[in-house]
Amino acid sequence: MEMGKAQNEGKAVTNASLKLSPTMISAIQFARAHTGTLERFPGGFWGAAESAPFGTKTVEGLISRGQGTYTKWKEGKNGKFPIEFTLARPR
């Protein structure tokens, strides 16, 4: 692998693409304050029981940058979909 690149699902991404947006940073801080997880609510919003301020694209961005993973799934009419995101352990 070339210096300065990371492997992400078979695609090389540069370090610049691993930067977190302010919304992603807020989502990480929110998750840390809520047992390290975000739950999915109807409409594709992620958060905790009292608040769901983050969209699916934010959570997908965190996963693509190695900041966490989906840890619970639910069966729907079109197959399984994620309902819980858990932060990765700090390195």
C-alpha atoms as a PDB file:
ATOM      1  CA  MET A   1       0.000   0.000   0.000  1.00  0.00           C
ATOM      2  CA  GLU A   2       1.281   3.477  -0.825  1.00  0.00           C
ATOM      3  CA  MET A   3       2.382   5.775   1.960  1.00  0.00           C
ATOM      4  CA  GLY A   4      -0.410   8.168   3.032  1.00  0.00           C
ATOM      5  CA  LYS A   5      -3.241   5.913   1.912  1.00  0.00           C
ATOM      6  CA  ALA A   6      -5.578   3.639   3.841  1.00  0.00           C
ATOM      7  CA  GLN A   7      -7.632   0.712   2.620  1.00  0.00           C
ATOM      8  CA  ASN A   8     -11.426   1.064   2.827  1.00  0.00           C
ATOM      9  CA  GLU A   9     -13.539  -1.788   1.471  1.00  0.00           C
ATOM     10  CA  GLY A  10     -11.184  -2.360  -1.420  1.00  0.00           C
ATOM     11  CA  LYS A  11     -10.873   1.324  -2.319  1.00  0.00           C
ATOM     12  CA  ALA A  12      -7.817   3.398  -1.489  1.00  0.00           C
ATOM     13  CA  VAL A  13      -8.668   6.672   0.229  1.00  0.00           C
ATOM     14  CA  THR A  14      -6.300   9.522   1.005  1.00  0.00           C
ATOM     15  CA  ASN A  15      -5.748  10.853   4.515  1.00  0.00           C
ATOM     16  CA  ALA A  16      -7.550  14.041   3.478  1.00  0.00           C
ATOM     17  CA  SER A  17     -10.760  12.066   2.942  1.00  0.00           C
ATOM     18  CA  LEU A  18     -10.537  10.720   6.515  1.00  0.00           C
ATOM     19  CA  LYS A  19     -11.193  14.169   8.010  1.00  0.00           C
ATOM     20  CA  LEU A  20     -14.309  14.465  10.122  1.00  0.00           C
ATOM     21  CA  SER A  21     -16.908  17.157   9.499  1.00  0.00           C
ATOM     22  CA  PRO A  22     -18.181  19.271  12.394  1.00  0.00           C
ATOM     23  CA  THR A  23     -21.408  17.221  12.290  1.00  0.00           C
ATOM     24  CA  MET A  24     -19.455  13.959  12.542  1.00  0.00           C
ATOM     25  CA  ILE A  25     -17.513  15.315  15.513  1.00  0.00           C
ATOM     26  CA  SER A  26     -20.802  16.304  17.169  1.00  0.00           C
ATOM     27  CA  ALA A  27     -22.181  12.810  16.540  1.00  0.00           C
ATOM     28  CA  ILE A  28     -19.110  11.236  18.183  1.00  0.00           C
ATOM     29  CA  GLN A  29     -19.427  13.533  21.203  1.00  0.00           C
ATOM     30  CA  PHE A  30     -23.152  12.797  21.420  1.00  0.00           C
ATOM     31  CA  ALA A  31     -22.547   9.039  21.242  1.00  0.00           C
ATOM     32  CA  ARG A  32     -19.852   9.227  23.929  1.00  0.00           C
ATOM     33  CA  ALA A  33     -22.381  10.930  26.208  1.00  0.00           C
ATOM     34  CA  HIS A  34     -24.934   8.163  25.479  1.00  0.00           C
ATOM     35  CA  THR A  35     -23.171   4.847  26.184  1.00  0.00           C
ATOM     36  CA  GLY A  36     -21.066   5.075  23.016  1.00  0.00           C
ATOM     37  CA  THR A  37     -23.981   4.304  20.720  1.00  0.00           C
ATOM     38  CA  LEU A  38     -26.493   5.963  18.431  1.00  0.00           C
ATOM     39  CA  GLU A  39     -29.906   4.402  17.780  1.00  0.00           C
ATOM     40  CA  ARG A  40     -31.785   4.647  14.490  1.00  0.00           C
ATOM     41  CA  PHE A  41     -35.269   6.131  14.602  1.00  0.00           C
ATOM     42  CA  PRO A  42     -38.014   6.246  11.946  1.00  0.00           C
ATOM     43  CA  GLY A  43     -37.107   8.521   9.082  1.00  0.00           C
ATOM     44  CA  GLY A  44     -33.439   7.551   9.173  1.00  0.00           C
ATOM     45  CA  PHE A  45     -32.421   9.793  12.055  1.00  0.00           C
ATOM     46  CA  TRP A  46     -29.819   8.674  14.587  1.00  0.00           C
ATOM     47  CA  GLY A  47     -29.381   9.664  18.226  1.00  0.00           C
ATOM     48  CA  ALA A  48     -30.693   8.658  21.642  1.00  0.00           C
ATOM     49  CA  ALA A  49     -34.207   8.232  23.038  1.00  0.00           C
ATOM     50  CA  GLU A  50     -34.623  11.925  23.851  1.00  0.00           C
ATOM     51  CA  SER A  51     -33.021  13.278  20.690  1.00  0.00           C
ATOM     52  CA  ALA A  52     -32.204  12.065  17.167  1.00  0.00           C
ATOM     53  CA  PRO A  53     -30.242  14.919  15.557  1.00  0.00           C
ATOM     54  CA  PHE A  54     -28.046  13.085  13.043  1.00  0.00           C
ATOM     55  CA  GLY A  55     -28.849  11.789   9.583  1.00  0.00           C
ATOM     56  CA  THR A  56     -27.915   8.459   8.026  1.00  0.00           C
ATOM     57  CA  LYS A  57     -25.216  10.051   5.842  1.00  0.00           C
ATOM     58  CA  THR A  58     -23.404  11.259   8.989  1.00  0.00           C
ATOM     59  CA  VAL A  59     -23.373   7.748  10.462  1.00  0.00           C
ATOM     60  CA  GLU A  60     -22.300   6.230   7.133  1.00  0.00           C
ATOM     61  CA  GLY A  61     -19.460   8.782   7.016  1.00  0.00           C
ATOM     62  CA  LEU A  62     -18.291   7.770  10.484  1.00  0.00           C
ATOM     63  CA  ILE A  63     -18.283   4.104   9.489  1.00  0.00           C
ATOM     64  CA  SER A  64     -16.371   4.749   6.261  1.00  0.00           C
ATOM     65  CA  ARG A  65     -13.738   6.594   8.308  1.00  0.00           C
ATOM     66  CA  GLY A  66     -13.349   3.749  10.800  1.00  0.00           C
ATOM     67  CA  GLN A  67     -14.972   5.597  13.697  1.00  0.00           C
ATOM     68  CA  GLY A  68     -17.467   2.824  14.515  1.00  0.00           C
ATOM     69  CA  THR A  69     -19.667   0.067  13.196  1.00  0.00           C
ATOM     70  CA  TYR A  70     -23.270  -1.082  13.058  1.00  0.00           C
ATOM     71  CA  THR A  71     -23.938  -3.409  15.985  1.00  0.00           C
ATOM     72  CA  LYS A  72     -27.671  -4.190  15.776  1.00  0.00           C
ATOM     73  CA  TRP A  73     -29.864  -4.924  12.800  1.00  0.00           C
ATOM     74  CA  LYS A  74     -33.609  -5.257  12.202  1.00  0.00           C
ATOM     75  CA  GLU A  75     -35.453  -7.252   9.573  1.00  0.00           C
ATOM     76  CA  GLY A  76     -37.666  -5.144   7.304  1.00  0.00           C
ATOM     77  CA  LYS A  77     -39.776  -5.758   4.228  1.00  0.00           C
ATOM     78  CA  ASN A  78     -36.737  -5.096   2.017  1.00  0.00           C
ATOM     79  CA  GLY A  79     -34.218  -7.015   4.122  1.00  0.00           C
ATOM     80  CA  LYS A  80     -32.050  -6.174   7.107  1.00  0.00           C
ATOM     81  CA  PHE A  81     -31.154  -2.613   8.043  1.00  0.00           C
ATOM     82  CA  PRO A  82     -28.978  -1.191  10.830  1.00  0.00           C
ATOM     83  CA  ILE A  83     -30.593   0.179  13.984  1.00  0.00           C
ATOM     84  CA  GLU A  84     -27.553   0.766  16.212  1.00  0.00           C
ATOM     85  CA  PHE A  85     -24.138   2.357  15.671  1.00  0.00           C
ATOM     86  CA  THR A  86     -21.346   1.839  18.223  1.00  0.00           C
ATOM     87  CA  LEU A  87     -18.182   3.923  18.404  1.00  0.00           C
ATOM     88  CA  ALA A  88     -14.865   2.215  17.816  1.00  0.00           C
ATOM     89  CA  ARG A  89     -12.552   1.968  20.798  1.00  0.00           C
ATOM     90  CA  PRO A  90      -9.961   4.723  20.926  1.00  0.00           C
ATOM     91  CA  ARG A  91      -6.622   3.586  19.525  1.00  0.00           C
END
